[in-house]
Protein backbone atom coordinates (compact mmCIF):
# COMPACT_ATOMS: atom_id res chain seq x y z
CA MET A 1 -120.03 77.07 -4.32
CA ILE A 2 -122.89 79.95 -3.92
CA THR A 3 -126.23 78.98 -4.08
CA VAL A 4 -128.96 81.22 -5.29
CA LEU A 5 -132.63 81.61 -5.05
CA VAL A 6 -133.98 83.08 -8.02
CA VAL A 7 -137.49 85.30 -7.62
CA ASP A 8 -139.54 86.71 -10.38
CA PRO A 9 -143.43 86.59 -10.95
CA HIS A 10 -142.57 86.35 -14.76
CA ALA A 11 -141.17 82.73 -16.47
CA LEU A 12 -138.82 84.58 -18.84
CA HIS A 13 -137.50 86.76 -16.20
CA ARG A 14 -136.74 83.52 -14.30
CA ILE A 15 -135.40 81.73 -17.15
CA GLY A 16 -133.01 84.65 -17.89
CA LEU A 17 -131.47 84.89 -14.45
CA ARG A 18 -131.18 81.11 -14.33
CA THR A 19 -129.56 80.78 -17.58
CA LEU A 20 -127.18 83.76 -16.59
CA LEU A 21 -126.10 82.31 -13.60
CA ALA A 22 -126.22 78.78 -14.16
CA SER A 23 -123.23 79.95 -16.73
CA ARG A 24 -120.96 81.16 -14.20
CA PRO A 25 -118.54 79.12 -12.33
CA GLY A 26 -119.30 78.94 -8.59
CA LEU A 27 -122.69 79.51 -8.89
CA THR A 28 -125.54 77.31 -8.51
CA VAL A 29 -129.01 78.11 -9.02
CA VAL A 30 -130.89 75.78 -6.56
CA ALA A 31 -134.56 76.96 -6.87
CA GLU A 32 -136.98 79.26 -8.37
CA ALA A 33 -140.08 81.24 -6.91
CA VAL A 34 -142.83 83.24 -8.14
CA THR A 35 -144.03 84.98 -4.98
CA GLY A 36 -142.74 86.64 -1.91
CA ALA A 37 -144.68 84.18 0.52
CA GLU A 38 -142.95 81.33 -1.72
CA THR A 39 -139.80 82.76 -1.18
CA VAL A 40 -139.63 82.66 2.23
CA ARG A 41 -140.97 79.29 2.26
CA MET A 42 -138.64 78.10 0.12
CA SER A 43 -135.66 79.90 1.93
CA GLU A 44 -136.22 78.52 4.98
CA ASP A 45 -136.32 74.94 3.46
CA LEU A 46 -133.33 75.26 1.15
CA HIS A 47 -131.25 77.51 3.03
CA PRO A 48 -129.59 79.30 0.08
CA ASP A 49 -126.80 81.66 0.39
CA ALA A 50 -128.26 84.15 -1.71
CA VAL A 51 -131.76 85.42 -2.86
CA VAL A 52 -132.18 87.72 -5.86
CA LEU A 53 -135.64 89.22 -6.04
CA GLY A 54 -136.07 90.30 -9.81
CA SER A 55 -137.45 93.38 -10.98
CA GLY A 56 -140.82 91.90 -11.83
CA LEU A 57 -142.06 91.90 -8.08
CA PRO A 58 -144.11 94.89 -7.22
CA ALA A 59 -142.41 97.38 -4.59
CA THR A 60 -144.70 96.29 -1.97
CA ASP A 61 -143.88 92.39 -2.43
CA VAL A 62 -140.11 93.29 -2.33
CA LEU A 63 -140.56 94.85 1.29
CA LEU A 64 -142.57 91.93 2.34
CA THR A 65 -140.38 89.40 1.39
CA VAL A 66 -137.48 91.27 2.60
CA ARG A 67 -138.53 91.94 5.82
CA GLY A 68 -139.69 88.39 5.99
CA LEU A 69 -136.14 87.14 5.10
CA ARG A 70 -134.87 89.07 7.86
CA ARG A 71 -137.14 87.97 10.33
CA ALA A 72 -135.86 84.17 9.70
CA ARG A 73 -132.46 85.59 9.98
CA THR A 74 -133.04 87.57 13.49
CA GLN A 75 -135.06 84.63 14.74
CA GLY A 76 -131.59 82.94 14.02
CA SER A 77 -131.11 79.11 13.64
CA ALA A 78 -127.75 76.66 13.55
CA ASP A 79 -127.67 76.65 9.81
CA GLY A 80 -127.01 80.17 9.58
CA GLY A 81 -130.57 81.83 9.27
CA ALA A 82 -131.31 83.86 6.25
CA PRO A 83 -129.47 84.54 3.09
CA ARG A 84 -128.02 87.70 1.66
CA VAL A 85 -131.04 89.49 -0.55
CA LEU A 86 -129.83 90.95 -3.62
CA VAL A 87 -132.82 93.33 -5.04
CA LEU A 88 -133.04 94.25 -8.41
CA SER A 89 -135.41 97.27 -9.69
CA SER A 90 -136.46 99.03 -12.60
CA ALA A 91 -138.08 102.01 -10.45
CA HIS A 92 -136.54 104.99 -10.51
CA ARG A 93 -137.71 106.59 -7.50
CA ASP A 94 -135.60 107.42 -3.91
CA GLU A 95 -137.67 106.66 -1.14
CA HIS A 96 -138.32 102.89 -2.68
CA ALA A 97 -134.46 102.25 -2.69
CA TYR A 98 -134.16 103.66 0.54
CA ALA A 99 -137.43 101.67 2.26
CA VAL A 100 -135.75 98.42 0.59
CA LEU A 101 -132.49 99.27 2.16
CA ARG A 102 -134.30 100.14 5.30
CA ALA A 103 -136.15 96.69 4.91
CA GLY A 104 -132.85 94.98 5.16
CA ALA A 105 -131.46 94.25 1.71
CA ASP A 106 -127.96 93.83 1.29
CA GLY A 107 -127.96 95.10 -2.08
CA PHE A 108 -129.85 97.36 -4.46
CA LEU A 109 -129.07 97.07 -8.02
CA SER A 110 -130.72 98.68 -11.28
CA ALA A 111 -132.11 96.04 -13.47
CA SER A 112 -130.19 97.99 -16.47
CA ALA A 113 -127.03 96.33 -15.20
CA THR A 114 -124.99 94.42 -16.95
CA PRO A 115 -124.31 90.70 -16.63
CA ASP A 116 -120.95 90.87 -15.27
CA GLU A 117 -122.33 93.86 -12.94
CA LEU A 118 -125.21 91.51 -11.60
CA ILE A 119 -122.72 88.43 -11.30
CA ALA A 120 -120.37 90.66 -9.24
CA ALA A 121 -123.09 91.99 -6.95
CA LEU A 122 -124.32 88.74 -6.35
CA VAL A 123 -120.42 87.51 -5.17
CA HIS A 124 -120.13 90.51 -3.07
CA VAL A 125 -123.53 90.08 -1.58
CA ALA A 126 -122.89 86.37 -0.37
CA ALA A 127 -119.58 87.28 0.74
CA GLY A 128 -121.23 89.57 3.23
CA ASP A 129 -120.67 93.31 1.70
CA ALA A 130 -123.04 95.60 0.58
CA VAL A 131 -123.98 96.39 -3.03
CA VAL A 132 -125.38 99.88 -4.23
CA SER A 133 -124.84 101.16 -7.59
CA PRO A 134 -123.25 104.78 -8.32
CA GLY A 135 -126.66 106.29 -9.14
CA LEU A 136 -128.58 104.73 -6.64
CA ALA A 137 -126.10 105.83 -3.95
CA ARG A 138 -127.14 109.24 -4.64
CA ALA A 139 -130.59 108.34 -4.39
CA LEU A 140 -129.98 107.02 -0.92
CA VAL A 141 -128.29 110.35 0.02
CA ARG A 142 -130.78 112.51 -1.26
CA ALA A 143 -133.82 110.04 0.26
CA VAL A 144 -131.73 110.16 3.88
CA ARG A 145 -131.30 114.02 3.25
CA CYS A 146 -134.92 115.30 2.12
CA GLY A 147 -136.99 112.23 2.87
CA PRO A 148 -139.04 111.71 6.16
CA ARG A 149 -137.44 110.71 9.14
CA PHE A 150 -138.53 107.54 11.24
CA GLU A 151 -137.81 106.52 14.37
CA ALA A 152 -136.15 110.13 14.84
CA SER A 153 -135.09 109.57 18.56
CA ALA A 154 -133.45 106.13 18.04
CA PRO A 155 -130.48 106.95 16.10
CA LYS A 156 -128.84 109.46 18.40
CA GLY A 157 -128.92 107.08 21.46
CA ARG A 158 -127.57 104.34 19.65
CA LEU A 159 -124.63 106.54 18.24
CA GLU A 160 -123.62 107.37 21.70
CA ASP A 161 -123.28 103.63 22.53
CA LEU A 162 -120.27 103.46 20.16
CA THR A 163 -116.64 104.03 20.95
CA GLU A 164 -114.72 106.94 19.23
CA ARG A 165 -112.81 103.95 17.28
CA GLU A 166 -116.05 102.50 16.47
CA ARG A 167 -117.05 105.91 14.74
CA ASP A 168 -114.08 105.85 13.08
CA VAL A 169 -114.92 102.56 11.36
CA LEU A 170 -118.35 103.86 10.65
CA VAL A 171 -116.99 107.02 8.73
CA ALA A 172 -114.97 104.98 6.91
CA VAL A 173 -118.05 101.90 5.70
CA ALA A 174 -120.17 105.28 5.13
CA SER A 175 -117.41 106.36 2.60
CA GLY A 176 -117.80 103.15 0.78
CA ARG A 177 -114.29 101.74 1.83
CA SER A 178 -113.39 98.25 2.41
CA ASN A 179 -112.24 96.58 4.80
CA THR A 180 -108.49 96.43 3.75
CA GLU A 181 -108.52 100.15 3.06
CA ILE A 182 -110.01 100.98 6.37
CA ALA A 183 -107.22 99.01 7.79
CA GLU A 184 -104.82 100.75 5.96
CA ARG A 185 -106.27 104.38 6.53
CA LEU A 186 -106.59 103.53 10.49
CA CYS A 187 -103.42 101.47 10.92
CA ILE A 188 -104.89 98.77 12.02
CA ALA A 189 -105.47 94.60 10.97
CA PRO A 190 -108.17 93.74 9.04
CA THR A 191 -109.45 91.60 11.03
CA THR A 192 -109.37 94.00 13.82
CA VAL A 193 -111.71 95.97 11.10
CA LYS A 194 -114.23 93.03 10.49
CA SER A 195 -114.80 92.85 14.65
CA HIS A 196 -115.45 96.78 14.98
CA VAL A 197 -117.79 96.33 11.97
CA SER A 198 -119.37 93.36 13.65
CA ARG A 199 -119.84 95.11 16.96
CA ILE A 200 -121.03 98.22 15.26
CA LEU A 201 -123.93 96.20 13.57
CA ALA A 202 -125.01 94.65 16.60
CA LYS A 203 -124.87 98.11 18.31
CA ILE A 204 -127.37 99.57 16.20
CA GLY A 205 -129.54 96.64 15.19
CA ALA A 206 -127.99 96.56 11.62
CA ARG A 207 -127.75 93.13 9.47
CA ALA A 208 -125.80 94.54 6.78
CA ARG A 209 -123.01 97.30 6.17
CA VAL A 210 -125.70 99.09 3.65
CA GLN A 211 -127.89 99.78 6.97
CA ALA A 212 -124.80 100.90 8.79
CA VAL A 213 -124.62 103.45 6.35
CA VAL A 214 -128.04 104.99 6.19
CA PHE A 215 -127.62 104.68 9.92
CA ALA A 216 -124.44 106.93 9.87
CA TYR A 217 -126.36 109.22 7.93
CA GLU A 218 -129.53 109.14 9.78
CA SER A 219 -127.58 109.68 12.98
CA GLY A 220 -126.02 112.84 11.66
CA LEU A 221 -122.45 111.20 12.07
CA MET A 222 -122.08 111.69 8.25
CA ARG A 223 -123.58 114.60 6.25
CA PRO A 224 -123.84 114.71 2.66
CA PRO A 225 -122.25 117.76 0.77
CA LEU A 226 -124.45 120.66 -0.07
CA PRO A 227 -125.00 121.43 -3.60
CA LEU A 228 -122.52 124.41 -4.84
CA PRO A 229 -124.37 127.18 -6.10
CA VAL A 230 -124.65 127.84 -9.56
CA PRO A 231 -123.06 130.76 -11.38
CA PRO A 232 -125.76 133.12 -12.41
CA VAL A 233 -125.87 133.68 -16.38
CA PRO A 234 -125.51 137.07 -17.34
CA PRO A 235 -128.70 138.22 -18.70
CA HIS A 236 -127.38 139.48 -21.96
CA ARG A 237 -126.97 135.74 -23.38
CA THR A 238 -128.58 132.37 -22.73
CA THR A 239 -126.91 129.52 -21.02
CA THR A 240 -125.18 126.90 -23.11
CA ARG A 241 -125.23 123.29 -22.40
CA GLN A 242 -121.94 122.92 -21.62
CA GLU A 243 -122.71 125.28 -18.69
CA LEU A 244 -125.80 123.19 -17.71
CA THR A 245 -123.58 120.09 -17.92
CA CYS A 246 -120.80 121.45 -15.83
CA ALA A 247 -123.37 122.94 -12.83
CA TYR A 248 -125.03 119.42 -13.05
CA PHE A 249 -121.59 117.43 -12.22
CA SER A 250 -120.28 120.43 -9.85
CA SER A 251 -123.26 119.62 -7.39
CA ARG A 252 -121.79 116.34 -6.76
CA THR A 253 -118.36 117.39 -6.17
CA THR A 254 -117.11 117.66 -2.68
CA THR A 255 -113.99 119.58 -3.19
CA ALA A 256 -114.94 121.66 -6.72
CA SER A 257 -112.89 124.89 -7.50
CA PRO A 258 -114.74 128.03 -6.84
CA THR A 259 -113.45 129.39 -10.44
CA PRO A 260 -116.93 129.44 -12.82
CA CYS A 261 -117.30 126.87 -15.29
CA ASN A 262 -116.76 128.58 -18.44
CA ALA A 263 -113.73 130.05 -17.00
CA ALA A 264 -110.39 129.53 -18.89
């Protein structure tokens, strides 16, 4: 049974989340919180498996709450420390997603997600996995590539602490592969992969896989693919909607054909 603490300043939002989660077998809402400070206190008292931070919380409150929950885990306790954190957000700003993940959130999901997507994300987060929706994953890559760099000297030094095999595992994690897929790719046992991931997190000072992904890009171990150049449009005609759409998706493809979009 997964126990959940629901957080949102709006009563209707909390009722909606509670009703949805309570309707699914294997999930139990143990309490509701309105503010970040109340969330941290209730988490220390109730020890839920996961905390869902609703989209009604202001961005600054989300960051403070995630950091407060992470401090509880860092300080540690016999009962397992802080819960896993899933953030729901209606903000479409790259830097917000980046900041929340750096703060220690285990998952970041758009508030427009479907009920089934929310339930699946919560189950994965409670199990210790990282969850980021595809659109937000692209935002994360853009933020790491184009945004300001924090603690620029730290990632390089920590990367050198990883063994060659640990780097291979980290690359696979950053590519979005599960432990089973990594095991098959590297010809090792899934339990061995799990041990490698645990050692990687300890060495780089992370507590979740999603932070390891951020580290992989910040340290230069992983590099986002560069956008492909958009073919020039002949001057005698205008760009069609089909060409613009094709160029837009080509910029997110790592192995696209060099053939022009409008080629037969």
